[in-house]
Amino acid sequence: MLSQTAEYALRAIVVLAGDTAASWTAQAIAAKTLVPQDYLMKVLQPLAKAGIVTAQRGRNGGFTLTRPPTRINVLEVITAVDPLRRIKQCPLGLKAHGTTLCPLHRKLDDAMRFVEEAFASTTIAEILSDPSSVRPLCEEGETLCHVQAAI
C-alpha cells in the first residue's frame, strides 16, 4: 500500500523523533533504519523541502525535526515523499463516467479516504508511545523502531 520511499521516510522520522535533542547524521539514520544511505539522502531532501526536517552541515551537524513529534502526523510525512493517490475521475478514461465514479472506483476511493484520515489523525509521537506494537527493527530494549508495525 505504501511505497518503499514512504516507508523509508517514516522510519527516518521515527528515528529522529526518538531523540529530538540530538542531530542525526545520514549514516546513523541509515544504520538505525536499515535504509541504504544513498536512498535515505533522496528521501530526506523532500522531507526538508516540506519543512519536516532540517539539515545542518558541519562538525555537529545532522538532521533534526523542525517541530515536536506531537505536531507531525503520518500523512504529512507520506505526502512529502510520495502522496497517496485519490481517484478523482474514471481511471479507465470512460467519458460517460467523467468525474462521477462507478461503484467500484467510488469504493476504492472511499478506502483511500479512510486511510488518509487515519494517517492524518496519527502523530509520530503516538507511534513512539504505542506499547503494544511489535518493533522488528529494534534491538532488545530499544524504543526506536520500524514504523509499519505501529500503524
Foldseek 3Di string as FASTA:
>chain_A
DADPLLQLLLLLLLVQLVCQPAADALVRSCVLSVNPSVSSVVSVVLCVVLQQWDWDDDDRTHIHGNDHQVPAFSQSSSCSRPHDDADQFDPVPDPVCGRPDDPVSVVVNVVVVVVNVVRVPHTSVNLLPDPPFDFVSDDPPDSRGRRVRSD
